[in-house]
N, C-alpha and C. Protein backbone atom coordinates (compact mmCIF):
# COMPACT_ATOMS: atom_id res chain seq x y z
N UNK A 1 -7.26 -12.81 -1.74
CA UNK A 1 -7.20 -12.63 -3.17
C UNK A 1 -6.00 -13.38 -3.76
N UNK A 2 -4.87 -13.35 -3.05
CA UNK A 2 -3.68 -14.02 -3.57
C UNK A 2 -3.65 -15.50 -3.22
N UNK A 3 -4.48 -15.92 -2.26
CA UNK A 3 -4.51 -17.33 -1.89
C UNK A 3 -5.20 -18.14 -2.97
N UNK A 4 -4.76 -19.36 -3.12
CA UNK A 4 -5.36 -20.30 -4.04
C UNK A 4 -5.36 -19.83 -5.50
N UNK A 5 -4.40 -19.00 -5.85
CA UNK A 5 -4.37 -18.57 -7.25
C UNK A 5 -3.82 -19.70 -8.10
N UNK A 6 -4.39 -19.87 -9.29
CA UNK A 6 -3.94 -20.95 -10.15
C UNK A 6 -2.52 -20.71 -10.64
N UNK A 7 -1.83 -21.79 -10.87
CA UNK A 7 -0.47 -21.71 -11.41
C UNK A 7 -0.56 -21.63 -12.92
N UNK A 8 0.09 -20.65 -13.48
CA UNK A 8 0.07 -20.46 -14.93
C UNK A 8 1.37 -20.96 -15.53
N UNK A 9 1.24 -21.51 -16.73
CA UNK A 9 2.45 -21.80 -17.49
C UNK A 9 2.97 -20.47 -18.00
N UNK A 10 4.18 -20.44 -18.50
CA UNK A 10 4.74 -19.20 -19.04
C UNK A 10 3.88 -18.68 -20.20
N UNK A 11 3.40 -19.59 -21.04
CA UNK A 11 2.53 -19.18 -22.16
C UNK A 11 1.24 -18.57 -21.67
N UNK A 12 0.61 -19.19 -20.67
CA UNK A 12 -0.63 -18.67 -20.13
C UNK A 12 -0.41 -17.31 -19.47
N UNK A 13 0.69 -17.18 -18.76
CA UNK A 13 1.02 -15.91 -18.12
C UNK A 13 1.20 -14.81 -19.15
N UNK A 14 1.96 -15.08 -20.20
CA UNK A 14 2.17 -14.09 -21.25
C UNK A 14 0.87 -13.73 -21.95
N UNK A 15 0.00 -14.71 -22.16
CA UNK A 15 -1.30 -14.44 -22.79
C UNK A 15 -2.15 -13.56 -21.88
N UNK A 16 -2.15 -13.84 -20.57
CA UNK A 16 -2.91 -13.03 -19.62
C UNK A 16 -2.39 -11.59 -19.60
N UNK A 17 -1.07 -11.45 -19.52
CA UNK A 17 -0.46 -10.11 -19.50
C UNK A 17 -0.82 -9.35 -20.79
N UNK A 18 -0.70 -10.00 -21.92
CA UNK A 18 -1.00 -9.36 -23.21
C UNK A 18 -2.47 -8.92 -23.26
N UNK A 19 -3.37 -9.78 -22.81
CA UNK A 19 -4.79 -9.47 -22.82
C UNK A 19 -5.09 -8.29 -21.90
N UNK A 20 -4.54 -8.28 -20.71
CA UNK A 20 -4.78 -7.20 -19.76
C UNK A 20 -4.18 -5.89 -20.27
N UNK A 21 -3.03 -5.97 -20.90
CA UNK A 21 -2.42 -4.77 -21.49
C UNK A 21 -3.32 -4.20 -22.58
N UNK A 22 -3.83 -5.06 -23.44
CA UNK A 22 -4.73 -4.61 -24.51
C UNK A 22 -6.01 -4.00 -23.93
N UNK A 23 -6.54 -4.62 -22.88
CA UNK A 23 -7.74 -4.09 -22.23
C UNK A 23 -7.46 -2.73 -21.60
N UNK A 24 -6.29 -2.56 -21.00
CA UNK A 24 -5.92 -1.27 -20.40
C UNK A 24 -5.82 -0.20 -21.47
N UNK A 25 -5.19 -0.53 -22.59
CA UNK A 25 -5.09 0.42 -23.70
C UNK A 25 -6.47 0.79 -24.24
N UNK A 26 -7.34 -0.19 -24.37
CA UNK A 26 -8.70 0.06 -24.85
C UNK A 26 -9.44 0.98 -23.88
N UNK A 27 -9.30 0.73 -22.59
CA UNK A 27 -9.92 1.56 -21.57
C UNK A 27 -9.46 3.02 -21.71
N UNK A 28 -8.15 3.20 -21.87
CA UNK A 28 -7.63 4.56 -22.04
C UNK A 28 -8.24 5.21 -23.28
N UNK A 29 -8.28 4.48 -24.37
CA UNK A 29 -8.84 5.03 -25.62
C UNK A 29 -10.30 5.43 -25.42
N UNK A 30 -11.05 4.62 -24.68
CA UNK A 30 -12.44 4.94 -24.40
C UNK A 30 -12.57 6.21 -23.56
N UNK A 31 -11.53 6.53 -22.80
CA UNK A 31 -11.51 7.75 -21.99
C UNK A 31 -10.96 8.94 -22.78
N UNK A 32 -10.60 8.68 -24.04
CA UNK A 32 -10.05 9.74 -24.88
C UNK A 32 -8.57 10.00 -24.64
N UNK A 33 -7.89 9.00 -24.07
CA UNK A 33 -6.47 9.12 -23.75
C UNK A 33 -5.68 8.19 -24.66
N UNK A 34 -4.67 8.72 -25.30
CA UNK A 34 -3.83 7.92 -26.19
C UNK A 34 -2.48 7.71 -25.50
N UNK A 35 -2.14 6.45 -25.31
CA UNK A 35 -0.84 6.14 -24.70
C UNK A 35 0.23 6.11 -25.79
N UNK A 36 1.43 6.50 -25.40
CA UNK A 36 2.52 6.39 -26.37
C UNK A 36 3.60 5.43 -25.90
N UNK A 37 3.53 5.04 -24.61
CA UNK A 37 4.55 4.12 -24.10
C UNK A 37 4.06 3.47 -22.81
N UNK A 38 4.39 2.21 -22.64
CA UNK A 38 4.16 1.53 -21.37
C UNK A 38 5.48 1.59 -20.61
N UNK A 39 5.42 1.97 -19.36
CA UNK A 39 6.61 2.03 -18.53
C UNK A 39 6.69 0.71 -17.76
N UNK A 40 7.21 -0.30 -18.44
CA UNK A 40 7.16 -1.66 -17.91
C UNK A 40 7.96 -1.83 -16.63
N UNK A 41 9.03 -1.07 -16.44
CA UNK A 41 9.81 -1.23 -15.20
C UNK A 41 9.02 -0.78 -13.97
N UNK A 42 8.02 0.08 -14.18
CA UNK A 42 7.18 0.55 -13.07
C UNK A 42 5.89 -0.26 -12.93
N UNK A 43 5.49 -0.96 -13.97
CA UNK A 43 4.24 -1.72 -13.96
C UNK A 43 4.43 -3.03 -13.20
N UNK A 44 3.34 -3.54 -12.64
CA UNK A 44 3.37 -4.80 -11.90
C UNK A 44 2.12 -5.61 -12.23
N UNK A 45 2.24 -6.93 -12.14
CA UNK A 45 1.06 -7.77 -12.32
C UNK A 45 1.20 -9.03 -11.49
N UNK A 46 0.04 -9.52 -11.07
CA UNK A 46 -0.06 -10.76 -10.34
C UNK A 46 -1.22 -11.54 -10.96
N UNK A 47 -0.89 -12.33 -11.98
CA UNK A 47 -1.91 -13.07 -12.73
C UNK A 47 -2.51 -14.14 -11.83
N UNK A 48 -3.79 -14.34 -11.91
CA UNK A 48 -4.83 -13.70 -12.72
C UNK A 48 -5.58 -12.63 -11.96
N UNK A 49 -4.95 -12.06 -10.94
CA UNK A 49 -5.68 -11.16 -10.05
C UNK A 49 -5.69 -9.71 -10.49
N UNK A 50 -4.50 -9.18 -10.70
CA UNK A 50 -4.44 -7.74 -10.91
C UNK A 50 -3.20 -7.36 -11.73
N UNK A 51 -3.38 -6.34 -12.54
CA UNK A 51 -2.26 -5.73 -13.25
C UNK A 51 -2.34 -4.23 -13.00
N UNK A 52 -1.19 -3.63 -12.74
CA UNK A 52 -1.09 -2.19 -12.54
C UNK A 52 -0.09 -1.68 -13.57
N UNK A 53 -0.59 -0.92 -14.53
CA UNK A 53 0.21 -0.45 -15.66
C UNK A 53 0.52 1.03 -15.49
N UNK A 54 1.74 1.39 -15.82
CA UNK A 54 2.08 2.80 -15.86
C UNK A 54 2.30 3.17 -17.33
N UNK A 55 1.52 4.12 -17.79
CA UNK A 55 1.59 4.58 -19.17
C UNK A 55 2.06 6.03 -19.22
N UNK A 56 2.78 6.36 -20.27
CA UNK A 56 2.94 7.77 -20.61
C UNK A 56 2.00 8.01 -21.78
N UNK A 57 1.49 9.24 -21.85
CA UNK A 57 0.50 9.55 -22.87
C UNK A 57 1.08 10.50 -23.90
N UNK A 58 0.37 10.63 -25.00
CA UNK A 58 0.85 11.51 -26.06
C UNK A 58 0.91 12.97 -25.63
N UNK A 59 0.14 13.33 -24.59
CA UNK A 59 0.20 14.70 -24.09
C UNK A 59 1.16 14.83 -22.90
N UNK A 60 2.08 13.87 -22.81
CA UNK A 60 3.20 13.89 -21.85
C UNK A 60 2.80 13.73 -20.38
N UNK A 61 1.69 13.08 -20.11
CA UNK A 61 1.30 12.76 -18.75
C UNK A 61 1.65 11.31 -18.47
N UNK A 62 1.73 10.98 -17.20
CA UNK A 62 1.93 9.59 -16.79
C UNK A 62 0.73 9.20 -15.94
N UNK A 63 0.19 8.01 -16.24
CA UNK A 63 -0.99 7.55 -15.53
C UNK A 63 -0.86 6.07 -15.17
N UNK A 64 -1.57 5.70 -14.13
CA UNK A 64 -1.67 4.32 -13.69
C UNK A 64 -3.03 3.78 -14.12
N UNK A 65 -3.05 2.56 -14.62
CA UNK A 65 -4.29 1.86 -14.95
C UNK A 65 -4.24 0.53 -14.23
N UNK A 66 -5.35 0.18 -13.59
CA UNK A 66 -5.45 -1.11 -12.90
C UNK A 66 -6.54 -1.92 -13.58
N UNK A 67 -6.29 -3.21 -13.74
CA UNK A 67 -7.32 -4.11 -14.28
C UNK A 67 -7.01 -5.53 -13.84
N UNK A 68 -7.83 -6.44 -14.26
CA UNK A 68 -7.71 -7.84 -13.85
C UNK A 68 -9.03 -8.25 -13.22
N UNK A 69 -8.97 -8.90 -12.07
CA UNK A 69 -10.17 -9.30 -11.33
C UNK A 69 -10.58 -8.17 -10.39
N UNK A 70 -10.52 -6.97 -10.91
CA UNK A 70 -10.87 -5.73 -10.19
C UNK A 70 -11.52 -4.80 -11.20
N UNK A 71 -12.19 -3.76 -10.73
CA UNK A 71 -12.69 -2.77 -11.69
C UNK A 71 -11.53 -2.12 -12.43
N UNK A 72 -11.69 -1.87 -13.71
CA UNK A 72 -10.66 -1.14 -14.44
C UNK A 72 -10.79 0.32 -14.06
N UNK A 73 -9.65 0.91 -13.68
CA UNK A 73 -9.67 2.27 -13.18
C UNK A 73 -8.34 2.92 -13.52
N UNK A 74 -8.27 4.24 -13.35
CA UNK A 74 -7.03 4.95 -13.64
C UNK A 74 -6.89 6.16 -12.75
N UNK A 75 -5.62 6.55 -12.53
CA UNK A 75 -5.29 7.78 -11.81
C UNK A 75 -4.01 8.34 -12.42
N UNK A 76 -3.76 9.60 -12.15
CA UNK A 76 -2.52 10.21 -12.64
C UNK A 76 -1.36 9.83 -11.73
N UNK A 77 -0.17 9.98 -12.25
CA UNK A 77 1.04 9.69 -11.48
C UNK A 77 1.14 10.60 -10.26
N UNK A 78 0.47 11.73 -10.28
CA UNK A 78 0.54 12.68 -9.17
C UNK A 78 0.05 12.07 -7.85
N UNK A 79 -0.87 11.10 -7.91
CA UNK A 79 -1.41 10.52 -6.68
C UNK A 79 -0.64 9.29 -6.22
N UNK A 80 0.23 8.76 -7.07
CA UNK A 80 0.98 7.55 -6.70
C UNK A 80 2.29 7.51 -7.48
N UNK A 81 3.39 7.40 -6.78
CA UNK A 81 4.69 7.35 -7.42
C UNK A 81 5.14 5.93 -7.75
N UNK A 82 4.46 4.93 -7.19
CA UNK A 82 4.84 3.54 -7.44
C UNK A 82 3.57 2.71 -7.64
N UNK A 83 3.74 1.53 -8.17
CA UNK A 83 2.60 0.62 -8.36
C UNK A 83 1.96 0.28 -7.02
N UNK A 84 2.78 0.11 -6.00
CA UNK A 84 2.24 -0.20 -4.67
C UNK A 84 1.40 0.96 -4.14
N UNK A 85 1.88 2.18 -4.32
CA UNK A 85 1.09 3.34 -3.90
C UNK A 85 -0.20 3.43 -4.71
N UNK A 86 -0.14 3.09 -5.99
CA UNK A 86 -1.33 3.10 -6.84
C UNK A 86 -2.35 2.08 -6.33
N UNK A 87 -1.89 0.89 -5.97
CA UNK A 87 -2.76 -0.14 -5.43
C UNK A 87 -3.45 0.37 -4.17
N UNK A 88 -2.70 0.99 -3.29
CA UNK A 88 -3.28 1.53 -2.05
C UNK A 88 -4.29 2.63 -2.35
N UNK A 89 -3.97 3.47 -3.32
CA UNK A 89 -4.88 4.54 -3.70
C UNK A 89 -6.19 3.98 -4.25
N UNK A 90 -6.10 3.02 -5.17
CA UNK A 90 -7.31 2.42 -5.73
C UNK A 90 -8.16 1.79 -4.63
N UNK A 91 -7.53 1.07 -3.71
CA UNK A 91 -8.27 0.41 -2.62
C UNK A 91 -9.03 1.46 -1.79
N UNK A 92 -8.37 2.53 -1.41
CA UNK A 92 -9.02 3.56 -0.63
C UNK A 92 -10.13 4.24 -1.43
N UNK A 93 -9.84 4.56 -2.67
CA UNK A 93 -10.82 5.23 -3.52
C UNK A 93 -12.08 4.39 -3.70
N UNK A 94 -11.91 3.08 -3.90
CA UNK A 94 -13.08 2.22 -4.07
C UNK A 94 -13.89 2.13 -2.78
N UNK A 95 -13.20 2.12 -1.63
CA UNK A 95 -13.92 2.12 -0.35
C UNK A 95 -14.76 3.39 -0.22
N UNK A 96 -14.17 4.52 -0.60
CA UNK A 96 -14.89 5.80 -0.51
C UNK A 96 -16.08 5.83 -1.48
N UNK A 97 -15.89 5.30 -2.69
CA UNK A 97 -16.99 5.25 -3.66
C UNK A 97 -18.12 4.36 -3.13
N UNK A 98 -17.75 3.22 -2.57
CA UNK A 98 -18.76 2.30 -2.03
C UNK A 98 -19.51 2.96 -0.88
N UNK A 99 -18.79 3.64 -0.01
CA UNK A 99 -19.42 4.32 1.12
C UNK A 99 -20.40 5.38 0.63
N UNK A 100 -20.00 6.14 -0.39
CA UNK A 100 -20.89 7.16 -0.95
C UNK A 100 -22.15 6.54 -1.52
N UNK A 101 -22.01 5.41 -2.20
CA UNK A 101 -23.18 4.72 -2.76
C UNK A 101 -24.11 4.25 -1.65
N UNK A 102 -23.52 3.59 -0.65
CA UNK A 102 -24.34 3.01 0.42
C UNK A 102 -25.02 4.06 1.28
N UNK A 103 -24.43 5.25 1.35
CA UNK A 103 -25.00 6.32 2.16
C UNK A 103 -25.79 7.33 1.33
N UNK A 104 -25.98 7.03 0.05
CA UNK A 104 -26.82 7.89 -0.77
C UNK A 104 -28.28 7.62 -0.41
N UNK A 105 -29.15 8.49 -0.85
CA UNK A 105 -30.56 8.34 -0.52
C UNK A 105 -31.15 7.17 -1.30
N UNK A 106 -31.56 6.17 -0.59
CA UNK A 106 -32.21 4.98 -1.13
C UNK A 106 -31.48 4.36 -2.34
N UNK A 107 -30.29 3.81 -2.11
CA UNK A 107 -29.61 3.15 -3.23
C UNK A 107 -30.39 1.92 -3.68
N UNK A 108 -30.38 1.68 -4.98
CA UNK A 108 -31.06 0.49 -5.52
C UNK A 108 -30.29 -0.76 -5.14
N UNK A 109 -30.91 -1.90 -5.33
CA UNK A 109 -30.21 -3.17 -5.05
C UNK A 109 -28.98 -3.30 -5.94
N UNK A 110 -29.11 -2.88 -7.19
CA UNK A 110 -27.97 -2.93 -8.11
C UNK A 110 -26.82 -2.05 -7.59
N UNK A 111 -27.14 -0.88 -7.09
CA UNK A 111 -26.12 0.01 -6.54
C UNK A 111 -25.49 -0.60 -5.29
N UNK A 112 -26.30 -1.21 -4.43
CA UNK A 112 -25.76 -1.87 -3.23
C UNK A 112 -24.85 -3.03 -3.62
N UNK A 113 -25.26 -3.80 -4.62
CA UNK A 113 -24.42 -4.91 -5.09
C UNK A 113 -23.08 -4.39 -5.61
N UNK A 114 -23.12 -3.31 -6.39
CA UNK A 114 -21.88 -2.73 -6.91
C UNK A 114 -21.01 -2.21 -5.77
N UNK A 115 -21.62 -1.57 -4.79
CA UNK A 115 -20.86 -1.07 -3.63
C UNK A 115 -20.18 -2.23 -2.90
N UNK A 116 -20.91 -3.32 -2.72
CA UNK A 116 -20.32 -4.49 -2.05
C UNK A 116 -19.19 -5.09 -2.87
N UNK A 117 -19.36 -5.10 -4.19
CA UNK A 117 -18.28 -5.55 -5.08
C UNK A 117 -17.05 -4.67 -4.90
N UNK A 118 -17.24 -3.35 -4.89
CA UNK A 118 -16.11 -2.43 -4.69
C UNK A 118 -15.43 -2.67 -3.35
N UNK A 119 -16.22 -2.86 -2.31
CA UNK A 119 -15.66 -3.11 -0.97
C UNK A 119 -14.83 -4.38 -0.97
N UNK A 120 -15.36 -5.44 -1.55
CA UNK A 120 -14.63 -6.70 -1.61
C UNK A 120 -13.31 -6.55 -2.36
N UNK A 121 -13.35 -5.92 -3.52
CA UNK A 121 -12.13 -5.75 -4.30
C UNK A 121 -11.15 -4.82 -3.59
N UNK A 122 -11.66 -3.79 -2.96
CA UNK A 122 -10.80 -2.86 -2.23
C UNK A 122 -10.08 -3.57 -1.08
N UNK A 123 -10.82 -4.38 -0.33
CA UNK A 123 -10.20 -5.11 0.79
C UNK A 123 -9.14 -6.07 0.30
N UNK A 124 -9.45 -6.81 -0.76
CA UNK A 124 -8.47 -7.75 -1.32
C UNK A 124 -7.26 -7.02 -1.87
N UNK A 125 -7.49 -5.92 -2.54
CA UNK A 125 -6.39 -5.14 -3.10
C UNK A 125 -5.51 -4.57 -1.99
N UNK A 126 -6.13 -4.09 -0.93
CA UNK A 126 -5.38 -3.57 0.20
C UNK A 126 -4.47 -4.65 0.78
N UNK A 127 -5.00 -5.86 0.91
CA UNK A 127 -4.20 -6.97 1.43
C UNK A 127 -3.00 -7.24 0.54
N UNK A 128 -3.19 -7.17 -0.78
CA UNK A 128 -2.06 -7.35 -1.70
C UNK A 128 -1.03 -6.25 -1.49
N UNK A 129 -1.50 -5.03 -1.31
CA UNK A 129 -0.60 -3.91 -1.09
C UNK A 129 0.23 -4.05 0.17
N UNK A 130 -0.28 -4.78 1.14
CA UNK A 130 0.42 -4.95 2.41
C UNK A 130 1.41 -6.12 2.40
N UNK A 131 1.42 -6.92 1.38
CA UNK A 131 2.32 -8.08 1.33
C UNK A 131 3.70 -7.66 0.83
N UNK A 132 4.62 -7.50 1.75
CA UNK A 132 5.97 -7.01 1.43
C UNK A 132 6.65 -7.80 0.32
N UNK A 133 6.48 -9.12 0.34
CA UNK A 133 7.18 -9.97 -0.63
C UNK A 133 6.80 -9.63 -2.07
N UNK A 134 5.59 -9.15 -2.28
CA UNK A 134 5.16 -8.81 -3.63
C UNK A 134 5.81 -7.53 -4.15
N UNK A 135 6.34 -6.73 -3.24
CA UNK A 135 6.83 -5.40 -3.63
C UNK A 135 8.33 -5.22 -3.40
N UNK A 136 9.01 -6.26 -2.96
CA UNK A 136 10.44 -6.15 -2.64
C UNK A 136 11.29 -5.66 -3.80
N UNK A 137 10.97 -6.08 -5.03
CA UNK A 137 11.77 -5.69 -6.19
C UNK A 137 11.55 -4.24 -6.58
N UNK A 138 10.51 -3.63 -6.04
CA UNK A 138 10.18 -2.24 -6.39
C UNK A 138 10.97 -1.30 -5.49
N UNK A 139 11.62 -0.34 -6.09
CA UNK A 139 12.41 0.63 -5.32
C UNK A 139 11.50 1.62 -4.64
């Protein structure tokens, strides 16, 4: 997933980050969650692959949102204390979802395709989570 990634100019990088941030906020709103602050020191991104955002909400919760070239998803801070832990959680969760789909009674081709998509993204995300250099700045 991290191999052969295109090189972005600073402008392109900022545009990608802004777009993914807006998409994450929209996703939260669609879930009925209103964010009141982005915790940028905890958030991480690797354009154009993945962004992991930590938000605080108006009801005083903290949540992680992941988006980019992955399914947009969210979890509470209770399951992950860092962006790296969130990445690992999403990867495992997507593997479990894919397994459940594939082992359901007669999944449709569309369901099998989605399960394979989840597996692919989970494996790539797991590999990113294992790359120490990407997480060195994170305490």
